[in-house]
């Protein structure tokens, strides 16, 4: 089972909000998730994010691969592998 840390879309039309989640890579973008570890709001200036650093580090240590966008958010939050 390939586990990914990725974004799932929430919010209204033209006003997206995202949750940072851990999910099986075979599931749909907004499908079943294993764990929720944060949020990302691109509508604010600058974009805001909240990440549970403990959970993120735990999942990275267990082999979960972040997507490109989540990797950038982790870099801003100073979360390294």
PDB file of N, CA and C in Angstrom:
ATOM      1  N   UNK A   1       0.844  -1.178   0.000  1.00  0.00           N
ATOM      2  CA  UNK A   1       0.000   0.000   0.000  1.00  0.00           C
ATOM      3  C   UNK A   1       0.893   1.246   0.000  1.00  0.00           C
ATOM      4  N   UNK A   2       0.775   2.059  -1.045  1.00  0.00           N
ATOM      5  CA  UNK A   2       1.545   3.302  -1.150  1.00  0.00           C
ATOM      6  C   UNK A   2       0.771   4.425  -0.465  1.00  0.00           C
ATOM      7  N   UNK A   3       1.363   4.976   0.574  1.00  0.00           N
ATOM      8  CA  UNK A   3       0.694   6.021   1.344  1.00  0.00           C
ATOM      9  C   UNK A   3       1.260   7.372   0.934  1.00  0.00           C
ATOM     10  N   UNK A   4       0.377   8.320   0.666  1.00  0.00           N
ATOM     11  CA  UNK A   4       0.766   9.673   0.260  1.00  0.00           C
ATOM     12  C   UNK A   4       0.209  10.692   1.239  1.00  0.00           C
ATOM     13  N   UNK A   5       0.941  11.777   1.412  1.00  0.00           N
ATOM     14  CA  UNK A   5       0.443  12.934   2.146  1.00  0.00           C
ATOM     15  C   UNK A   5       0.071  13.942   1.072  1.00  0.00           C
ATOM     16  N   UNK A   6      -1.216  14.292   0.995  1.00  0.00           N
ATOM     17  CA  UNK A   6      -1.673  15.146  -0.095  1.00  0.00           C
ATOM     18  C   UNK A   6      -2.807  16.049   0.355  1.00  0.00           C
ATOM     19  N   UNK A   7      -3.287  16.880  -0.564  1.00  0.00           N
ATOM     20  CA  UNK A   7      -4.370  17.809  -0.265  1.00  0.00           C
ATOM     21  C   UNK A   7      -5.707  17.219  -0.707  1.00  0.00           C
ATOM     22  N   UNK A   8      -6.742  17.487   0.063  1.00  0.00           N
ATOM     23  CA  UNK A   8      -8.101  17.145  -0.331  1.00  0.00           C
ATOM     24  C   UNK A   8      -8.899  18.441  -0.307  1.00  0.00           C
ATOM     25  N   UNK A   9      -9.740  18.650  -1.315  1.00  0.00           N
ATOM     26  CA  UNK A   9     -10.408  19.935  -1.501  1.00  0.00           C
ATOM     27  C   UNK A   9     -11.688  20.027  -0.696  1.00  0.00           C
ATOM     28  N   UNK A  10     -11.885  21.192  -0.090  1.00  0.00           N
ATOM     29  CA  UNK A  10     -13.102  21.509   0.653  1.00  0.00           C
ATOM     30  C   UNK A  10     -13.548  22.894   0.188  1.00  0.00           C
ATOM     31  N   UNK A  11     -14.607  23.420   0.757  1.00  0.00           N
ATOM     32  CA  UNK A  11     -15.019  24.787   0.465  1.00  0.00           C
ATOM     33  C   UNK A  11     -16.020  24.876  -0.670  1.00  0.00           C
ATOM     34  N   UNK A  12     -16.300  26.115  -1.066  1.00  0.00           N
ATOM     35  CA  UNK A  12     -17.278  26.386  -2.118  1.00  0.00           C
ATOM     36  C   UNK A  12     -16.616  26.515  -3.483  1.00  0.00           C
ATOM     37  N   UNK A  13     -17.452  26.672  -4.481  1.00  0.00           N
ATOM     38  CA  UNK A  13     -16.971  26.961  -5.829  1.00  0.00           C
ATOM     39  C   UNK A  13     -16.199  28.268  -5.811  1.00  0.00           C
ATOM     40  N   UNK A  14     -15.048  28.293  -6.430  1.00  0.00           N
ATOM     41  CA  UNK A  14     -14.187  29.474  -6.525  1.00  0.00           C
ATOM     42  C   UNK A  14     -13.573  29.913  -5.193  1.00  0.00           C
ATOM     43  N   UNK A  15     -13.820  29.195  -4.106  1.00  0.00           N
ATOM     44  CA  UNK A  15     -13.253  29.495  -2.783  1.00  0.00           C
ATOM     45  C   UNK A  15     -12.725  28.216  -2.145  1.00  0.00           C
ATOM     46  N   UNK A  16     -11.673  27.642  -2.704  1.00  0.00           N
ATOM     47  CA  UNK A  16     -11.206  26.353  -2.172  1.00  0.00           C
ATOM     48  C   UNK A  16     -10.499  26.482  -0.827  1.00  0.00           C
ATOM     49  N   UNK A  17     -10.680  25.482  -0.003  1.00  0.00           N
ATOM     50  CA  UNK A  17      -9.915  25.271   1.213  1.00  0.00           C
ATOM     51  C   UNK A  17      -9.410  23.842   1.107  1.00  0.00           C
ATOM     52  N   UNK A  18      -8.255  23.575   1.629  1.00  0.00           N
ATOM     53  CA  UNK A  18      -7.693  22.240   1.518  1.00  0.00           C
ATOM     54  C   UNK A  18      -7.351  21.687   2.892  1.00  0.00           C
ATOM     55  N   UNK A  19      -7.509  20.382   3.037  1.00  0.00           N
ATOM     56  CA  UNK A  19      -7.014  19.669   4.208  1.00  0.00           C
ATOM     57  C   UNK A  19      -5.794  18.882   3.776  1.00  0.00           C
ATOM     58  N   UNK A  20      -4.797  18.849   4.634  1.00  0.00           N
ATOM     59  CA  UNK A  20      -3.608  18.032   4.393  1.00  0.00           C
ATOM     60  C   UNK A  20      -3.890  16.687   5.035  1.00  0.00           C
ATOM     61  N   UNK A  21      -3.952  15.636   4.223  1.00  0.00           N
ATOM     62  CA  UNK A  21      -4.354  14.325   4.715  1.00  0.00           C
ATOM     63  C   UNK A  21      -3.347  13.250   4.310  1.00  0.00           C
ATOM     64  N   UNK A  22      -3.413  12.142   5.020  1.00  0.00           N
ATOM     65  CA  UNK A  22      -2.650  10.950   4.686  1.00  0.00           C
ATOM     66  C   UNK A  22      -3.653   9.964   4.099  1.00  0.00           C
ATOM     67  N   UNK A  23      -3.376   9.477   2.876  1.00  0.00           N
ATOM     68  CA  UNK A  23      -4.315   8.589   2.202  1.00  0.00           C
ATOM     69  C   UNK A  23      -3.566   7.577   1.342  1.00  0.00           C
ATOM     70  N   UNK A  24      -4.244   6.482   1.052  1.00  0.00           N
ATOM     71  CA  UNK A  24      -3.725   5.496   0.107  1.00  0.00           C
ATOM     72  C   UNK A  24      -3.711   6.159  -1.259  1.00  0.00           C
ATOM     73  N   UNK A  25      -2.635   6.016  -1.990  1.00  0.00           N
ATOM     74  CA  UNK A  25      -2.502   6.697  -3.280  1.00  0.00           C
ATOM     75  C   UNK A  25      -3.527   6.223  -4.308  1.00  0.00           C
ATOM     76  N   UNK A  26      -4.136   5.071  -4.093  1.00  0.00           N
ATOM     77  CA  UNK A  26      -5.113   4.548  -5.049  1.00  0.00           C
ATOM     78  C   UNK A  26      -6.504   5.137  -4.839  1.00  0.00           C
ATOM     79  N   UNK A  27      -6.747   5.792  -3.697  1.00  0.00           N
ATOM     80  CA  UNK A  27      -8.052   6.395  -3.437  1.00  0.00           C
ATOM     81  C   UNK A  27      -8.205   7.702  -4.197  1.00  0.00           C
ATOM     82  N   UNK A  28      -9.459   8.129  -4.393  1.00  0.00           N
ATOM     83  CA  UNK A  28      -9.754   9.382  -5.076  1.00  0.00           C
ATOM     84  C   UNK A  28      -9.260  10.561  -4.260  1.00  0.00           C
ATOM     85  N   UNK A  29      -9.120  11.704  -4.912  1.00  0.00           N
ATOM     86  CA  UNK A  29      -8.611  12.907  -4.234  1.00  0.00           C
ATOM     87  C   UNK A  29      -9.418  13.242  -2.985  1.00  0.00           C
ATOM     88  N   UNK A  30     -10.733  13.199  -3.092  1.00  0.00           N
ATOM     89  CA  UNK A  30     -11.594  13.531  -1.960  1.00  0.00           C
ATOM     90  C   UNK A  30     -12.190  12.281  -1.325  1.00  0.00           C
ATOM     91  N   UNK A  31     -11.532  11.143  -1.516  1.00  0.00           N
ATOM     92  CA  UNK A  31     -12.043   9.874  -1.008  1.00  0.00           C
ATOM     93  C   UNK A  31     -11.611   9.589   0.416  1.00  0.00           C
ATOM     94  N   UNK A  32     -11.553   8.306   0.726  1.00  0.00           N
ATOM     95  CA  UNK A  32     -11.239   7.828   2.069  1.00  0.00           C
ATOM     96  C   UNK A  32      -9.821   8.244   2.477  1.00  0.00           C
ATOM     97  N   UNK A  33      -9.689   8.750   3.706  1.00  0.00           N
ATOM     98  CA  UNK A  33      -8.382   9.165   4.225  1.00  0.00           C
ATOM     99  C   UNK A  33      -8.034   8.360   5.471  1.00  0.00           C
ATOM    100  N   UNK A  34      -6.746   8.272   5.744  1.00  0.00           N
ATOM    101  CA  UNK A  34      -6.268   7.555   6.920  1.00  0.00           C
ATOM    102  C   UNK A  34      -6.182   8.507   8.114  1.00  0.00           C
ATOM    103  N   UNK A  35      -5.643   9.701   7.881  1.00  0.00           N
ATOM    104  CA  UNK A  35      -5.432  10.664   8.965  1.00  0.00           C
ATOM    105  C   UNK A  35      -5.430  12.078   8.390  1.00  0.00           C
ATOM    106  N   UNK A  36      -5.909  13.037   9.169  1.00  0.00           N
ATOM    107  CA  UNK A  36      -5.872  14.444   8.776  1.00  0.00           C
ATOM    108  C   UNK A  36      -4.813  15.127   9.616  1.00  0.00           C
ATOM    109  N   UNK A  37      -3.860  15.817   8.954  1.00  0.00           N
ATOM    110  CA  UNK A  37      -2.750  16.397   9.708  1.00  0.00           C
ATOM    111  C   UNK A  37      -2.645  17.914   9.586  1.00  0.00           C
ATOM    112  N   UNK A  38      -3.539  18.560   8.838  1.00  0.00           N
ATOM    113  CA  UNK A  38      -3.454  20.013   8.761  1.00  0.00           C
ATOM    114  C   UNK A  38      -4.421  20.613   7.772  1.00  0.00           C
ATOM    115  N   UNK A  39      -4.297  21.944   7.586  1.00  0.00           N
ATOM    116  CA  UNK A  39      -5.141  22.676   6.646  1.00  0.00           C
ATOM    117  C   UNK A  39      -4.287  23.646   5.841  1.00  0.00           C
ATOM    118  N   UNK A  40      -4.820  24.075   4.690  1.00  0.00           N
ATOM    119  CA  UNK A  40      -4.152  25.033   3.815  1.00  0.00           C
ATOM    120  C   UNK A  40      -5.211  25.919   3.196  1.00  0.00           C
ATOM    121  N   UNK A  41      -5.042  27.253   3.313  1.00  0.00           N
ATOM    122  CA  UNK A  41      -5.999  28.213   2.763  1.00  0.00           C
ATOM    123  C   UNK A  41      -5.287  29.136   1.776  1.00  0.00           C
ATOM    124  N   UNK A  42      -5.462  28.905   0.460  1.00  0.00           N
ATOM    125  CA  UNK A  42      -4.798  29.748  -0.533  1.00  0.00           C
ATOM    126  C   UNK A  42      -5.517  31.068  -0.780  1.00  0.00           C
ATOM    127  N   UNK A  43      -6.696  31.277  -0.182  1.00  0.00           N
ATOM    128  CA  UNK A  43      -7.481  32.484  -0.432  1.00  0.00           C
ATOM    129  C   UNK A  43      -6.959  33.707   0.303  1.00  0.00           C
ATOM    130  N   UNK A  44      -6.202  33.521   1.374  1.00  0.00           N
ATOM    131  CA  UNK A  44      -5.678  34.648   2.126  1.00  0.00           C
ATOM    132  C   UNK A  44      -4.394  35.150   1.475  1.00  0.00           C
ATOM    133  N   UNK A  45      -3.981  36.358   1.846  1.00  0.00           N
ATOM    134  CA  UNK A  45      -2.746  36.893   1.290  1.00  0.00           C
ATOM    135  C   UNK A  45      -1.828  37.275   2.437  1.00  0.00           C
ATOM    136  N   UNK A  46      -0.748  36.588   2.726  1.00  0.00           N
ATOM    137  CA  UNK A  46      -0.265  35.375   2.059  1.00  0.00           C
ATOM    138  C   UNK A  46      -1.066  34.136   2.476  1.00  0.00           C
ATOM    139  N   UNK A  47      -0.908  33.074   1.718  1.00  0.00           N
ATOM    140  CA  UNK A  47      -1.616  31.821   2.013  1.00  0.00           C
ATOM    141  C   UNK A  47      -1.284  31.350   3.426  1.00  0.00           C
ATOM    142  N   UNK A  48      -2.293  30.793   4.109  1.00  0.00           N
ATOM    143  CA  UNK A  48      -2.082  30.319   5.475  1.00  0.00           C
ATOM    144  C   UNK A  48      -2.138  28.799   5.514  1.00  0.00           C
ATOM    145  N   UNK A  49      -1.423  28.229   6.440  1.00  0.00           N
ATOM    146  CA  UNK A  49      -1.407  26.784   6.627  1.00  0.00           C
ATOM    147  C   UNK A  49      -1.253  26.481   8.102  1.00  0.00           C
ATOM    148  N   UNK A  50      -1.775  25.325   8.496  1.00  0.00           N
ATOM    149  CA  UNK A  50      -1.600  24.798   9.852  1.00  0.00           C
ATOM    150  C   UNK A  50      -1.259  23.334   9.693  1.00  0.00           C
ATOM    151  N   UNK A  51      -0.171  22.916  10.308  1.00  0.00           N
ATOM    152  CA  UNK A  51       0.255  21.520  10.204  1.00  0.00           C
ATOM    153  C   UNK A  51       0.550  20.993  11.595  1.00  0.00           C
ATOM    154  N   UNK A  52       0.016  19.812  11.916  1.00  0.00           N
ATOM    155  CA  UNK A  52       0.354  19.132  13.162  1.00  0.00           C
ATOM    156  C   UNK A  52       1.728  18.488  12.937  1.00  0.00           C
ATOM    157  N   UNK A  53       2.752  19.165  13.434  1.00  0.00           N
ATOM    158  CA  UNK A  53       4.132  18.764  13.163  1.00  0.00           C
ATOM    159  C   UNK A  53       4.442  17.349  13.652  1.00  0.00           C
ATOM    160  N   UNK A  54       3.897  16.984  14.803  1.00  0.00           N
ATOM    161  CA  UNK A  54       4.149  15.657  15.363  1.00  0.00           C
ATOM    162  C   UNK A  54       3.619  14.555  14.440  1.00  0.00           C
ATOM    163  N   UNK A  55       2.362  14.715  13.991  1.00  0.00           N
ATOM    164  CA  UNK A  55       1.758  13.719  13.098  1.00  0.00           C
ATOM    165  C   UNK A  55       2.495  13.662  11.766  1.00  0.00           C
ATOM    166  N   UNK A  56       2.867  14.824  11.234  1.00  0.00           N
ATOM    167  CA  UNK A  56       3.564  14.868   9.947  1.00  0.00           C
ATOM    168  C   UNK A  56       4.888  14.118  10.025  1.00  0.00           C
ATOM    169  N   UNK A  57       5.655  14.374  11.070  1.00  0.00           N
ATOM    170  CA  UNK A  57       6.946  13.690  11.226  1.00  0.00           C
ATOM    171  C   UNK A  57       6.755  12.189  11.414  1.00  0.00           C
ATOM    172  N   UNK A  58       5.703  11.796  12.141  1.00  0.00           N
ATOM    173  CA  UNK A  58       5.426  10.372  12.350  1.00  0.00           C
ATOM    174  C   UNK A  58       5.152   9.680  11.019  1.00  0.00           C
ATOM    175  N   UNK A  59       4.305  10.310  10.172  1.00  0.00           N
ATOM    176  CA  UNK A  59       3.968   9.695   8.894  1.00  0.00           C
ATOM    177  C   UNK A  59       5.154   9.682   7.933  1.00  0.00           C
ATOM    178  N   UNK A  60       5.968  10.730   7.957  1.00  0.00           N
ATOM    179  CA  UNK A  60       7.167  10.737   7.107  1.00  0.00           C
ATOM    180  C   UNK A  60       8.142   9.644   7.541  1.00  0.00           C
ATOM    181  N   UNK A  61       8.262   9.442   8.846  1.00  0.00           N
ATOM    182  CA  UNK A  61       9.147   8.385   9.358  1.00  0.00           C
ATOM    183  C   UNK A  61       8.636   6.998   8.992  1.00  0.00           C
ATOM    184  N   UNK A  62       7.305   6.860   8.861  1.00  0.00           N
ATOM    185  CA  UNK A  62       6.713   5.572   8.489  1.00  0.00           C
ATOM    186  C   UNK A  62       6.711   5.330   6.987  1.00  0.00           C
ATOM    187  N   UNK A  63       7.233   6.274   6.199  1.00  0.00           N
ATOM    188  CA  UNK A  63       7.387   6.039   4.767  1.00  0.00           C
ATOM    189  C   UNK A  63       6.368   6.709   3.870  1.00  0.00           C
ATOM    190  N   UNK A  64       5.504   7.571   4.410  1.00  0.00           N
ATOM    191  CA  UNK A  64       4.528   8.273   3.563  1.00  0.00           C
ATOM    192  C   UNK A  64       5.258   9.308   2.715  1.00  0.00           C
ATOM    193  N   UNK A  65       4.869   9.415   1.444  1.00  0.00           N
ATOM    194  CA  UNK A  65       5.494  10.338   0.517  1.00  0.00           C
ATOM    195  C   UNK A  65       4.615  11.573   0.320  1.00  0.00           C
ATOM    196  N   UNK A  66       5.127  12.792   0.594  1.00  0.00           N
ATOM    197  CA  UNK A  66       4.323  13.992   0.353  1.00  0.00           C
ATOM    198  C   UNK A  66       4.285  14.323  -1.141  1.00  0.00           C
ATOM    199  N   UNK A  67       3.173  14.899  -1.586  1.00  0.00           N
ATOM    200  CA  UNK A  67       3.096  15.374  -2.966  1.00  0.00           C
ATOM    201  C   UNK A  67       3.949  16.636  -3.074  1.00  0.00           C
ATOM    202  N   UNK A  68       4.107  17.146  -4.280  1.00  0.00           N
ATOM    203  CA  UNK A  68       4.947  18.319  -4.507  1.00  0.00           C
ATOM    204  C   UNK A  68       4.449  19.532  -3.708  1.00  0.00           C
ATOM    205  N   UNK A  69       3.156  19.785  -3.755  1.00  0.00           N
ATOM    206  CA  UNK A  69       2.581  20.936  -3.057  1.00  0.00           C
ATOM    207  C   UNK A  69       2.720  20.794  -1.546  1.00  0.00           C
ATOM    208  N   UNK A  70       2.434  19.618  -1.030  1.00  0.00           N
ATOM    209  CA  UNK A  70       2.563  19.391   0.414  1.00  0.00           C
ATOM    210  C   UNK A  70       4.030  19.487   0.824  1.00  0.00           C
ATOM    211  N   UNK A  71       4.929  19.043  -0.021  1.00  0.00           N
ATOM    212  CA  UNK A  71       6.355  19.178   0.262  1.00  0.00           C
ATOM    213  C   UNK A  71       6.767  20.635   0.426  1.00  0.00           C
ATOM    214  N   UNK A  72       6.204  21.513  -0.402  1.00  0.00           N
ATOM    215  CA  UNK A  72       6.491  22.949  -0.289  1.00  0.00           C
ATOM    216  C   UNK A  72       5.934  23.516   1.010  1.00  0.00           C
ATOM    217  N   UNK A  73       4.738  23.078   1.390  1.00  0.00           N
ATOM    218  CA  UNK A  73       4.143  23.534   2.652  1.00  0.00           C
ATOM    219  C   UNK A  73       4.996  23.058   3.823  1.00  0.00           C
ATOM    220  N   UNK A  74       5.453  21.804   3.776  1.00  0.00           N
ATOM    221  CA  UNK A  74       6.312  21.277   4.835  1.00  0.00           C
ATOM    222  C   UNK A  74       7.621  22.066   4.926  1.00  0.00           C
ATOM    223  N   UNK A  75       8.164  22.470   3.772  1.00  0.00           N
ATOM    224  CA  UNK A  75       9.401  23.235   3.775  1.00  0.00           C
ATOM    225  C   UNK A  75       9.170  24.587   4.457  1.00  0.00           C
ATOM    226  N   UNK A  76       8.030  25.223   4.196  1.00  0.00           N
ATOM    227  CA  UNK A  76       7.688  26.494   4.857  1.00  0.00           C
ATOM    228  C   UNK A  76       7.504  26.311   6.354  1.00  0.00           C
ATOM    229  N   UNK A  77       6.975  25.145   6.760  1.00  0.00           N
ATOM    230  CA  UNK A  77       6.729  24.863   8.180  1.00  0.00           C
ATOM    231  C   UNK A  77       7.956  24.257   8.863  1.00  0.00           C
ATOM    232  N   UNK A  78       9.084  24.158   8.133  1.00  0.00           N
ATOM    233  CA  UNK A  78      10.326  23.583   8.658  1.00  0.00           C
ATOM    234  C   UNK A  78      10.163  22.150   9.121  1.00  0.00           C
ATOM    235  N   UNK A  79       9.418  21.364   8.354  1.00  0.00           N
ATOM    236  CA  UNK A  79       9.253  19.935   8.652  1.00  0.00           C
ATOM    237  C   UNK A  79      10.098  19.173   7.624  1.00  0.00           C
ATOM    238  N   UNK A  80      11.114  18.503   8.097  1.00  0.00           N
ATOM    239  CA  UNK A  80      12.009  17.753   7.226  1.00  0.00           C
ATOM    240  C   UNK A  80      11.857  16.268   7.478  1.00  0.00           C
ATOM    241  N   UNK A  81      12.270  15.480   6.501  1.00  0.00           N
ATOM    242  CA  UNK A  81      12.241  14.030   6.655  1.00  0.00           C
ATOM    243  C   UNK A  81      13.211  13.595   7.694  1.00  0.00           C
TER     244      UNK A  81
END
